[in-house]
Amino acid sequence: MIAVQKGGASEEVRQKAKHRLFVEGKGDRALDPQVLGALLPMITIEPLGPCFSIRNVAQALASVHPNDYFLADRDEWDEETVEKSWRNFPDPDQSNLLIWRKRELENYFIDPEYLSKSKFIKGNIGIAGLSQAIEKAAHPRLFLDVANQVVMGLRKRQQWDWVHKFTQPEAFPNAEAALEQLLNAPEWKQRTDEVRESLTPSNLQSLFDQTLAEFSGGVIPLKTGHGAWRDLMGGKEIFHAILQRYFRVVDNQGNVLQGPQQRREVIKDLLARPLAEQPTDFQELHRLIETRIRVG
């Protein structure tokens, strides 16, 4: 079973202190540290706020702290970048950064087969019932998430390194020459044309249609087994809706837990199951970290 180890040999304590995994999240909505702390008792896990903080810190620390690792939500990362992060980990050239294959951590918990193993489910809903409930909870958010995915993709493309600094001092002998060089840089027109084309109604509709097809697999209302919606939609809200309706958690005093407390207990219950029953990415993360600590 997956369990947080207590005590342990001095060498294990030393290794845990030496290796750190930084994850997203802070406050009550930060699931990552509690989840991964149970999954990875051999490493120190620290929450580090929003995704942009993790990326910035990863870039700053990778070269000087090779035993620091970073785990980010998928967000707008493309498939090639995501897979490369897992294939090459740990990779100082990529800031020792791992990117979840699903949009965010909660997406791993909207798998009906995995979720059905929880002891906190009310009644006998079963895998088929959970699958239908997850589909029903996800569908009202489908078109919102598709539109936002298009926005994130366009926003990422706007951040490309599309203009370069000047490098020839002889072309800048005075203010007038410098201003002329700046005004006549060919990138300005090229970039303007690219942005204008990307924002045309026809291109926006094409991006929307492509994204909707990727999410739904061409099946609407959403159905499990069709499309990548369980991976790419925002998982937090879907998971929360399922917990509210179909799960009941009671503490030792008989109080019914809701919100973050309910979520924490459901996740702890699932993580108490054998490693072989955990989502594939959880198993792979465990192996990667365990291997890294063993050799490092």
C-alpha atoms as a PDB file:
ATOM      1  CA  MET A   1       0.000   0.000   0.000  1.00  0.00           C
ATOM      2  CA  ILE A   2       0.986   3.611  -0.449  1.00  0.00           C
ATOM      3  CA  ALA A   3       1.664   5.105   2.948  1.00  0.00           C
ATOM      4  CA  VAL A   4       3.591   7.950   4.489  1.00  0.00           C
ATOM      5  CA  GLN A   5       6.597   6.454   6.211  1.00  0.00           C
ATOM      6  CA  LYS A   6       7.280   7.422   9.814  1.00  0.00           C
ATOM      7  CA  GLY A   7      10.777   7.427  11.202  1.00  0.00           C
ATOM      8  CA  GLY A   8      13.156   5.561   8.941  1.00  0.00           C
ATOM      9  CA  ALA A   9      16.884   5.179   8.665  1.00  0.00           C
ATOM     10  CA  SER A  10      19.111   8.248   8.798  1.00  0.00           C
ATOM     11  CA  GLU A  11      20.134   7.697   5.176  1.00  0.00           C
ATOM     12  CA  GLU A  12      16.476   7.800   4.110  1.00  0.00           C
ATOM     13  CA  VAL A  13      15.982  11.037   6.021  1.00  0.00           C
ATOM     14  CA  ARG A  14      19.104  12.512   4.442  1.00  0.00           C
ATOM     15  CA  GLN A  15      17.983  11.562   0.939  1.00  0.00           C
ATOM     16  CA  LYS A  16      14.523  13.012   1.515  1.00  0.00           C
ATOM     17  CA  ALA A  17      16.032  16.305   2.632  1.00  0.00           C
ATOM     18  CA  LYS A  18      18.366  16.325  -0.368  1.00  0.00           C
ATOM     19  CA  HIS A  19      15.651  15.907  -3.005  1.00  0.00           C
ATOM     20  CA  ARG A  20      12.715  18.306  -3.357  1.00  0.00           C
ATOM     21  CA  LEU A  21       9.668  18.315  -5.618  1.00  0.00           C
ATOM     22  CA  PHE A  22       7.923  21.663  -6.126  1.00  0.00           C
ATOM     23  CA  VAL A  23       4.280  21.521  -7.176  1.00  0.00           C
ATOM     24  CA  GLU A  24       1.504  23.967  -7.973  1.00  0.00           C
ATOM     25  CA  GLY A  25      -1.096  25.159  -5.535  1.00  0.00           C
ATOM     26  CA  LYS A  26      -1.575  26.966  -2.263  1.00  0.00           C
ATOM     27  CA  GLY A  27      -4.351  27.203   0.296  1.00  0.00           C
ATOM     28  CA  ASP A  28      -7.430  24.988   0.400  1.00  0.00           C
ATOM     29  CA  ARG A  29      -7.415  24.367  -3.369  1.00  0.00           C
ATOM     30  CA  ALA A  30      -3.895  22.933  -3.268  1.00  0.00           C
ATOM     31  CA  LEU A  31      -4.357  19.203  -3.715  1.00  0.00           C
ATOM     32  CA  ASP A  32      -0.905  18.427  -5.054  1.00  0.00           C
ATOM     33  CA  PRO A  33       1.145  18.382  -1.814  1.00  0.00           C
ATOM     34  CA  GLN A  34      -1.307  16.151   0.076  1.00  0.00           C
ATOM     35  CA  VAL A  35      -1.741  13.781  -2.874  1.00  0.00           C
ATOM     36  CA  LEU A  36       1.904  13.519  -3.769  1.00  0.00           C
ATOM     37  CA  GLY A  37       3.029  13.457  -0.153  1.00  0.00           C
ATOM     38  CA  ALA A  38       1.193  10.154   0.218  1.00  0.00           C
ATOM     39  CA  LEU A  39       2.398   8.873  -3.138  1.00  0.00           C
ATOM     40  CA  LEU A  40       6.023   9.977  -2.717  1.00  0.00           C
ATOM     41  CA  PRO A  41       7.036   9.660   0.941  1.00  0.00           C
ATOM     42  CA  MET A  42      10.683   9.461  -0.082  1.00  0.00           C
ATOM     43  CA  ILE A  43      10.930  13.118  -1.165  1.00  0.00           C
ATOM     44  CA  THR A  44      10.235  16.551   0.292  1.00  0.00           C
ATOM     45  CA  ILE A  45       7.271  18.170  -1.470  1.00  0.00           C
ATOM     46  CA  GLU A  46       6.679  21.906  -1.455  1.00  0.00           C
ATOM     47  CA  PRO A  47       3.747  23.921  -2.877  1.00  0.00           C
ATOM     48  CA  LEU A  48       4.892  26.827  -5.000  1.00  0.00           C
ATOM     49  CA  GLY A  49       1.834  28.763  -6.087  1.00  0.00           C
ATOM     50  CA  PRO A  50       0.585  29.177  -9.677  1.00  0.00           C
ATOM     51  CA  CYS A  51       2.121  27.466 -12.686  1.00  0.00           C
ATOM     52  CA  PHE A  52       4.064  30.513 -13.833  1.00  0.00           C
ATOM     53  CA  SER A  53       5.925  30.537 -10.513  1.00  0.00           C
ATOM     54  CA  ILE A  54       6.984  26.931 -10.939  1.00  0.00           C
ATOM     55  CA  ARG A  55       8.280  27.585 -14.447  1.00  0.00           C
ATOM     56  CA  ASN A  56      10.208  30.667 -13.388  1.00  0.00           C
ATOM     57  CA  VAL A  57      11.721  29.031 -10.321  1.00  0.00           C
ATOM     58  CA  ALA A  58      12.536  25.878 -12.294  1.00  0.00           C
ATOM     59  CA  GLN A  59      14.475  27.892 -14.852  1.00  0.00           C
ATOM     60  CA  ALA A  60      16.314  29.779 -12.120  1.00  0.00           C
ATOM     61  CA  LEU A  61      17.255  26.816  -9.930  1.00  0.00           C
ATOM     62  CA  ALA A  62      17.850  23.857 -12.242  1.00  0.00           C
ATOM     63  CA  SER A  63      21.503  24.561 -12.880  1.00  0.00           C
ATOM     64  CA  VAL A  64      22.409  25.244  -9.239  1.00  0.00           C
ATOM     65  CA  HIS A  65      20.051  22.782  -7.525  1.00  0.00           C
ATOM     66  CA  PRO A  66      19.996  19.611  -9.674  1.00  0.00           C
ATOM     67  CA  ASN A  67      18.035  17.709  -7.013  1.00  0.00           C
ATOM     68  CA  ASP A  68      15.091  20.110  -7.201  1.00  0.00           C
ATOM     69  CA  TYR A  69      12.247  18.928  -9.440  1.00  0.00           C
ATOM     70  CA  PHE A  70       9.102  20.705 -10.621  1.00  0.00           C
ATOM     71  CA  LEU A  71       5.636  19.454 -11.544  1.00  0.00           C
ATOM     72  CA  ALA A  72       3.167  21.666 -13.431  1.00  0.00           C
ATOM     73  CA  ASP A  73      -0.373  21.408 -14.770  1.00  0.00           C
ATOM     74  CA  ARG A  74      -0.650  20.788 -18.485  1.00  0.00           C
ATOM     75  CA  ASP A  75      -2.606  23.971 -19.278  1.00  0.00           C
ATOM     76  CA  GLU A  76      -1.666  25.016 -22.830  1.00  0.00           C
ATOM     77  CA  TRP A  77       1.429  22.813 -23.243  1.00  0.00           C
ATOM     78  CA  ASP A  78       1.445  20.821 -26.477  1.00  0.00           C
ATOM     79  CA  GLU A  79       1.634  17.024 -26.594  1.00  0.00           C
ATOM     80  CA  GLU A  80       5.267  16.906 -27.770  1.00  0.00           C
ATOM     81  CA  THR A  81       6.497  19.116 -24.922  1.00  0.00           C
ATOM     82  CA  VAL A  82       4.536  17.145 -22.331  1.00  0.00           C
ATOM     83  CA  GLU A  83       5.851  13.781 -23.483  1.00  0.00           C
ATOM     84  CA  LYS A  84       9.401  15.079 -23.733  1.00  0.00           C
ATOM     85  CA  SER A  85       9.251  16.194 -20.108  1.00  0.00           C
ATOM     86  CA  TRP A  86       8.445  12.614 -19.002  1.00  0.00           C
ATOM     87  CA  ARG A  87      10.779  10.919 -21.456  1.00  0.00           C
ATOM     88  CA  ASN A  88      13.844  12.969 -20.468  1.00  0.00           C
ATOM     89  CA  PHE A  89      13.242  13.513 -16.739  1.00  0.00           C
ATOM     90  CA  PRO A  90      15.335  14.648 -14.967  1.00  0.00           C
ATOM     91  CA  ASP A  91      16.593  17.077 -17.604  1.00  0.00           C
ATOM     92  CA  PRO A  92      18.472  20.211 -16.425  1.00  0.00           C
ATOM     93  CA  ASP A  93      18.127  21.650 -19.935  1.00  0.00           C
ATOM     94  CA  GLN A  94      14.342  21.566 -19.378  1.00  0.00           C
ATOM     95  CA  SER A  95      14.671  22.852 -15.794  1.00  0.00           C
ATOM     96  CA  ASN A  96      13.845  19.401 -14.344  1.00  0.00           C
ATOM     97  CA  LEU A  97      10.214  20.175 -15.174  1.00  0.00           C
ATOM     98  CA  LEU A  98       7.514  17.495 -15.447  1.00  0.00           C
ATOM     99  CA  ILE A  99       4.129  18.372 -16.936  1.00  0.00           C
ATOM    100  CA  TRP A 100       0.989  16.404 -16.125  1.00  0.00           C
ATOM    101  CA  ARG A 101      -0.446  14.628 -19.165  1.00  0.00           C
ATOM    102  CA  LYS A 102      -3.904  15.712 -18.065  1.00  0.00           C
ATOM    103  CA  ARG A 103      -4.941  19.343 -17.774  1.00  0.00           C
ATOM    104  CA  GLU A 104      -4.726  19.432 -13.984  1.00  0.00           C
ATOM    105  CA  LEU A 105      -4.354  17.026 -11.104  1.00  0.00           C
ATOM    106  CA  GLU A 106      -8.092  16.652 -10.451  1.00  0.00           C
ATOM    107  CA  ASN A 107      -8.581  15.174 -13.919  1.00  0.00           C
ATOM    108  CA  TYR A 108      -6.986  11.961 -12.647  1.00  0.00           C
ATOM    109  CA  PHE A 109      -9.858  11.594 -10.165  1.00  0.00           C
ATOM    110  CA  ILE A 110     -12.705  11.798 -12.676  1.00  0.00           C
ATOM    111  CA  ASP A 111     -11.943   8.310 -13.949  1.00  0.00           C
ATOM    112  CA  PRO A 112     -15.074   6.296 -12.996  1.00  0.00           C
ATOM    113  CA  GLU A 113     -13.193   3.015 -12.532  1.00  0.00           C
ATOM    114  CA  TYR A 114     -10.626   4.600 -10.203  1.00  0.00           C
ATOM    115  CA  LEU A 115     -13.214   6.691  -8.359  1.00  0.00           C
ATOM    116  CA  SER A 116     -15.492   3.676  -7.848  1.00  0.00           C
ATOM    117  CA  LYS A 117     -12.905   2.175  -5.474  1.00  0.00           C
ATOM    118  CA  SER A 118     -13.560   4.824  -2.824  1.00  0.00           C
ATOM    119  CA  LYS A 119     -15.320   3.708   0.340  1.00  0.00           C
ATOM    120  CA  PHE A 120     -17.133   7.045   0.588  1.00  0.00           C
ATOM    121  CA  ILE A 121     -19.534   6.585  -2.347  1.00  0.00           C
ATOM    122  CA  LYS A 122     -23.196   6.832  -1.374  1.00  0.00           C
ATOM    123  CA  GLY A 123     -25.373   3.918  -2.448  1.00  0.00           C
ATOM    124  CA  ASN A 124     -24.551   1.462  -5.209  1.00  0.00           C
ATOM    125  CA  ILE A 125     -23.956   3.759  -8.138  1.00  0.00           C
ATOM    126  CA  GLY A 126     -21.198   1.570  -9.620  1.00  0.00           C
ATOM    127  CA  ILE A 127     -18.780   2.315 -12.431  1.00  0.00           C
ATOM    128  CA  ALA A 128     -21.482   2.784 -15.077  1.00  0.00           C
ATOM    129  CA  GLY A 129     -23.421   5.154 -12.835  1.00  0.00           C
ATOM    130  CA  LEU A 130     -20.327   7.167 -12.008  1.00  0.00           C
ATOM    131  CA  SER A 131     -19.427   7.360 -15.675  1.00  0.00           C
ATOM    132  CA  GLN A 132     -22.836   8.805 -16.507  1.00  0.00           C
ATOM    133  CA  ALA A 133     -22.628  11.221 -13.573  1.00  0.00           C
ATOM    134  CA  ILE A 134     -19.215  12.484 -14.689  1.00  0.00           C
ATOM    135  CA  GLU A 135     -20.484  12.949 -18.245  1.00  0.00           C
ATOM    136  CA  LYS A 136     -23.499  14.877 -16.940  1.00  0.00           C
ATOM    137  CA  ALA A 137     -21.333  17.098 -14.718  1.00  0.00           C
ATOM    138  CA  ALA A 138     -18.871  17.803 -17.528  1.00  0.00           C
ATOM    139  CA  HIS A 139     -21.246  18.617 -20.372  1.00  0.00           C
ATOM    140  CA  PRO A 140     -22.452  22.070 -19.141  1.00  0.00           C
ATOM    141  CA  ARG A 141     -18.810  23.230 -19.133  1.00  0.00           C
ATOM    142  CA  LEU A 142     -17.873  21.768 -22.511  1.00  0.00           C
ATOM    143  CA  PHE A 143     -18.274  24.804 -24.751  1.00  0.00           C
ATOM    144  CA  LEU A 144     -16.788  27.163 -22.148  1.00  0.00           C
ATOM    145  CA  ASP A 145     -13.689  24.984 -21.845  1.00  0.00           C
ATOM    146  CA  VAL A 146     -13.382  24.594 -25.617  1.00  0.00           C
ATOM    147  CA  ALA A 147     -13.482  28.375 -26.099  1.00  0.00           C
ATOM    148  CA  ASN A 148     -10.960  28.877 -23.290  1.00  0.00           C
ATOM    149  CA  GLN A 149      -8.660  26.270 -24.822  1.00  0.00           C
ATOM    150  CA  VAL A 150      -8.661  28.289 -28.045  1.00  0.00           C
ATOM    151  CA  VAL A 151      -7.843  31.412 -26.030  1.00  0.00           C
ATOM    152  CA  MET A 152      -4.958  29.680 -24.236  1.00  0.00           C
ATOM    153  CA  GLY A 153      -3.539  28.424 -27.516  1.00  0.00           C
ATOM    154  CA  LEU A 154      -3.664  31.876 -29.101  1.00  0.00           C
ATOM    155  CA  ARG A 155      -2.191  33.446 -25.999  1.00  0.00           C
ATOM    156  CA  LYS A 156       0.711  31.017 -25.992  1.00  0.00           C
ATOM    157  CA  ARG A 157       1.451  31.735 -29.645  1.00  0.00           C
ATOM    158  CA  GLN A 158       1.508  35.470 -28.905  1.00  0.00           C
ATOM    159  CA  GLN A 159       4.345  34.814 -26.456  1.00  0.00           C
ATOM    160  CA  TRP A 160       6.694  33.312 -29.040  1.00  0.00           C
ATOM    161  CA  ASP A 161      10.111  34.915 -29.451  1.00  0.00           C
ATOM    162  CA  TRP A 162       9.075  36.616 -32.661  1.00  0.00           C
ATOM    163  CA  VAL A 163      11.424  39.615 -32.690  1.00  0.00           C
ATOM    164  CA  HIS A 164      15.156  39.656 -32.022  1.00  0.00           C
ATOM    165  CA  LYS A 165      17.410  42.321 -30.608  1.00  0.00           C
ATOM    166  CA  PHE A 166      19.721  44.256 -32.890  1.00  0.00           C
ATOM    167  CA  THR A 167      23.399  43.233 -32.797  1.00  0.00           C
ATOM    168  CA  GLN A 168      25.334  45.533 -35.193  1.00  0.00           C
ATOM    169  CA  PRO A 169      26.506  48.758 -33.470  1.00  0.00           C
ATOM    170  CA  GLU A 170      27.670  50.309 -36.752  1.00  0.00           C
ATOM    171  CA  ALA A 171      24.050  50.528 -37.915  1.00  0.00           C
ATOM    172  CA  PHE A 172      23.221  52.749 -34.910  1.00  0.00           C
ATOM    173  CA  PRO A 173      25.617  55.726 -35.083  1.00  0.00           C
ATOM    174  CA  ASN A 174      23.041  58.243 -33.830  1.00  0.00           C
ATOM    175  CA  ALA A 175      19.450  58.573 -32.614  1.00  0.00           C
ATOM    176  CA  GLU A 176      18.020  59.142 -36.082  1.00  0.00           C
ATOM    177  CA  ALA A 177      19.646  55.995 -37.513  1.00  0.00           C
ATOM    178  CA  ALA A 178      18.593  53.953 -34.493  1.00  0.00           C
ATOM    179  CA  LEU A 179      14.977  55.067 -34.816  1.00  0.00           C
ATOM    180  CA  GLU A 180      14.999  54.250 -38.540  1.00  0.00           C
ATOM    181  CA  GLN A 181      16.302  50.750 -37.824  1.00  0.00           C
ATOM    182  CA  LEU A 182      13.628  50.274 -35.185  1.00  0.00           C
ATOM    183  CA  LEU A 183      10.757  51.524 -37.330  1.00  0.00           C
ATOM    184  CA  ASN A 184      11.802  49.491 -40.374  1.00  0.00           C
ATOM    185  CA  ALA A 185      12.361  46.155 -38.652  1.00  0.00           C
ATOM    186  CA  PRO A 186      10.575  43.605 -40.899  1.00  0.00           C
ATOM    187  CA  GLU A 187       9.206  41.694 -37.913  1.00  0.00           C
ATOM    188  CA  TRP A 188       6.621  44.411 -37.184  1.00  0.00           C
ATOM    189  CA  LYS A 189       4.699  43.903 -40.404  1.00  0.00           C
ATOM    190  CA  GLN A 190       5.136  40.151 -40.349  1.00  0.00           C
ATOM    191  CA  ARG A 191       3.827  39.972 -36.802  1.00  0.00           C
ATOM    192  CA  THR A 192       0.910  42.283 -37.540  1.00  0.00           C
ATOM    193  CA  ASP A 193      -0.093  40.117 -40.492  1.00  0.00           C
ATOM    194  CA  GLU A 194       0.174  36.930 -38.432  1.00  0.00           C
ATOM    195  CA  VAL A 195      -1.935  38.310 -35.582  1.00  0.00           C
ATOM    196  CA  ARG A 196      -4.549  39.692 -37.959  1.00  0.00           C
ATOM    197  CA  GLU A 197      -4.836  36.324 -39.710  1.00  0.00           C
ATOM    198  CA  SER A 198      -5.036  34.383 -36.421  1.00  0.00           C
ATOM    199  CA  LEU A 199      -7.941  36.526 -35.232  1.00  0.00           C
ATOM    200  CA  THR A 200     -10.120  36.374 -38.319  1.00  0.00           C
ATOM    201  CA  PRO A 201     -13.592  34.862 -37.759  1.00  0.00           C
ATOM    202  CA  SER A 202     -12.808  31.988 -40.116  1.00  0.00           C
ATOM    203  CA  ASN A 203      -9.617  31.055 -38.265  1.00  0.00           C
ATOM    204  CA  LEU A 204     -11.269  31.343 -34.831  1.00  0.00           C
ATOM    205  CA  GLN A 205     -14.118  29.105 -35.997  1.00  0.00           C
ATOM    206  CA  SER A 206     -11.638  26.587 -37.392  1.00  0.00           C
ATOM    207  CA  LEU A 207      -9.738  26.480 -34.086  1.00  0.00           C
ATOM    208  CA  PHE A 208     -12.992  26.151 -32.149  1.00  0.00           C
ATOM    209  CA  ASP A 209     -14.232  23.311 -34.353  1.00  0.00           C
ATOM    210  CA  GLN A 210     -10.919  21.452 -34.132  1.00  0.00           C
ATOM    211  CA  THR A 211     -10.819  21.797 -30.349  1.00  0.00           C
ATOM    212  CA  LEU A 212     -14.439  20.722 -29.931  1.00  0.00           C
ATOM    213  CA  ALA A 213     -13.758  17.637 -32.055  1.00  0.00           C
ATOM    214  CA  GLU A 214     -10.675  16.824 -29.959  1.00  0.00           C
ATOM    215  CA  PHE A 215     -12.600  17.190 -26.707  1.00  0.00           C
ATOM    216  CA  SER A 216     -15.790  15.372 -27.729  1.00  0.00           C
ATOM    217  CA  GLY A 217     -14.555  12.899 -30.331  1.00  0.00           C
ATOM    218  CA  GLY A 218     -17.523  14.048 -32.368  1.00  0.00           C
ATOM    219  CA  VAL A 219     -20.003  12.756 -29.767  1.00  0.00           C
ATOM    220  CA  ILE A 220     -22.260  15.298 -28.056  1.00  0.00           C
ATOM    221  CA  PRO A 221     -23.528  15.002 -25.323  1.00  0.00           C
ATOM    222  CA  LEU A 222     -20.196  13.802 -23.988  1.00  0.00           C
ATOM    223  CA  LYS A 223     -19.593  10.081 -23.617  1.00  0.00           C
ATOM    224  CA  THR A 224     -16.809   8.239 -21.836  1.00  0.00           C
ATOM    225  CA  GLY A 225     -14.489   6.638 -24.368  1.00  0.00           C
ATOM    226  CA  HIS A 226     -15.085   9.317 -26.992  1.00  0.00           C
ATOM    227  CA  GLY A 227     -12.711  12.264 -27.241  1.00  0.00           C
ATOM    228  CA  ALA A 228     -10.155  13.578 -24.758  1.00  0.00           C
ATOM    229  CA  TRP A 229     -12.524  15.667 -22.643  1.00  0.00           C
ATOM    230  CA  ARG A 230     -11.671  13.868 -19.381  1.00  0.00           C
ATOM    231  CA  ASP A 231      -8.025  14.798 -19.939  1.00  0.00           C
ATOM    232  CA  LEU A 232      -8.410  18.315 -21.312  1.00  0.00           C
ATOM    233  CA  MET A 233     -11.390  19.894 -19.560  1.00  0.00           C
ATOM    234  CA  GLY A 234     -11.002  21.628 -16.202  1.00  0.00           C
ATOM    235  CA  GLY A 235     -11.132  18.767 -13.721  1.00  0.00           C
ATOM    236  CA  LYS A 236     -11.570  20.737 -10.487  1.00  0.00           C
ATOM    237  CA  GLU A 237     -15.181  21.717 -11.055  1.00  0.00           C
ATOM    238  CA  ILE A 238     -16.236  18.307 -12.402  1.00  0.00           C
ATOM    239  CA  PHE A 239     -14.627  16.464  -9.502  1.00  0.00           C
ATOM    240  CA  HIS A 240     -16.211  18.852  -6.985  1.00  0.00           C
ATOM    241  CA  ALA A 241     -19.674  18.329  -8.497  1.00  0.00           C
ATOM    242  CA  ILE A 242     -19.332  14.535  -8.270  1.00  0.00           C
ATOM    243  CA  LEU A 243     -18.156  14.654  -4.664  1.00  0.00           C
ATOM    244  CA  GLN A 244     -21.008  16.929  -3.604  1.00  0.00           C
ATOM    245  CA  ARG A 245     -23.702  14.653  -4.988  1.00  0.00           C
ATOM    246  CA  TYR A 246     -22.406  11.115  -4.750  1.00  0.00           C
ATOM    247  CA  PHE A 247     -19.963  11.015  -1.807  1.00  0.00           C
ATOM    248  CA  ARG A 248     -20.467  11.244   1.946  1.00  0.00           C
ATOM    249  CA  VAL A 249     -17.602  11.636   4.405  1.00  0.00           C
ATOM    250  CA  VAL A 250     -18.165  11.694   8.179  1.00  0.00           C
ATOM    251  CA  ASP A 251     -15.460  12.507  10.726  1.00  0.00           C
ATOM    252  CA  ASN A 252     -14.959  10.845  14.124  1.00  0.00           C
ATOM    253  CA  GLN A 253     -17.411  13.239  15.754  1.00  0.00           C
ATOM    254  CA  GLY A 254     -20.147  12.423  13.270  1.00  0.00           C
ATOM    255  CA  ASN A 255     -19.831  15.657  11.325  1.00  0.00           C
ATOM    256  CA  VAL A 256     -20.433  15.466   7.574  1.00  0.00           C
ATOM    257  CA  LEU A 257     -17.422  16.924   5.781  1.00  0.00           C
ATOM    258  CA  GLN A 258     -17.764  19.180   2.769  1.00  0.00           C
ATOM    259  CA  GLY A 259     -15.499  21.114   0.412  1.00  0.00           C
ATOM    260  CA  PRO A 260     -11.735  20.768   0.874  1.00  0.00           C
ATOM    261  CA  GLN A 261     -12.069  18.426   3.868  1.00  0.00           C
ATOM    262  CA  GLN A 262     -14.317  16.037   1.979  1.00  0.00           C
ATOM    263  CA  ARG A 263     -12.025  16.169  -1.031  1.00  0.00           C
ATOM    264  CA  ARG A 264      -8.972  15.455   1.115  1.00  0.00           C
ATOM    265  CA  GLU A 265     -10.492  12.355   2.702  1.00  0.00           C
ATOM    266  CA  VAL A 266     -11.706  10.927  -0.603  1.00  0.00           C
ATOM    267  CA  ILE A 267      -8.273  11.369  -2.131  1.00  0.00           C
ATOM    268  CA  LYS A 268      -6.516   9.879   0.894  1.00  0.00           C
ATOM    269  CA  ASP A 269      -8.806   6.857   0.662  1.00  0.00           C
ATOM    270  CA  LEU A 270      -7.973   6.337  -3.011  1.00  0.00           C
ATOM    271  CA  LEU A 271      -4.245   6.770  -2.449  1.00  0.00           C
ATOM    272  CA  ALA A 272      -4.329   4.136   0.281  1.00  0.00           C
ATOM    273  CA  ARG A 273      -4.932   1.538  -2.405  1.00  0.00           C
ATOM    274  CA  PRO A 274      -2.010  -0.464  -3.884  1.00  0.00           C
ATOM    275  CA  LEU A 275       0.354   1.370  -6.220  1.00  0.00           C
ATOM    276  CA  ALA A 276      -0.663  -0.975  -9.045  1.00  0.00           C
ATOM    277  CA  GLU A 277      -4.215   0.424  -8.848  1.00  0.00           C
ATOM    278  CA  GLN A 278      -3.131   4.055  -9.120  1.00  0.00           C
ATOM    279  CA  PRO A 279      -3.396   6.013 -12.397  1.00  0.00           C
ATOM    280  CA  THR A 280      -0.558   5.233 -14.790  1.00  0.00           C
ATOM    281  CA  ASP A 281       0.985   8.699 -14.472  1.00  0.00           C
ATOM    282  CA  PHE A 282       1.068   8.375 -10.672  1.00  0.00           C
ATOM    283  CA  GLN A 283       2.868   5.058 -11.021  1.00  0.00           C
ATOM    284  CA  GLU A 284       5.334   6.527 -13.505  1.00  0.00           C
ATOM    285  CA  LEU A 285       5.986   9.561 -11.319  1.00  0.00           C
ATOM    286  CA  HIS A 286       6.689   7.268  -8.365  1.00  0.00           C
ATOM    287  CA  ARG A 287       9.146   5.254 -10.461  1.00  0.00           C
ATOM    288  CA  LEU A 288      10.936   8.320 -11.835  1.00  0.00           C
ATOM    289  CA  ILE A 289      11.408   9.910  -8.423  1.00  0.00           C
ATOM    290  CA  GLU A 290      12.398   6.646  -6.768  1.00  0.00           C
ATOM    291  CA  THR A 291      14.973   5.972  -9.490  1.00  0.00           C
ATOM    292  CA  ARG A 292      16.354   9.495  -9.288  1.00  0.00           C
ATOM    293  CA  ILE A 293      16.836   9.277  -5.530  1.00  0.00           C
ATOM    294  CA  ARG A 294      18.429   5.838  -5.763  1.00  0.00           C
ATOM    295  CA  VAL A 295      21.062   6.991  -8.259  1.00  0.00           C
ATOM    296  CA  GLY A 296      21.506  10.532  -6.958  1.00  0.00           C
END
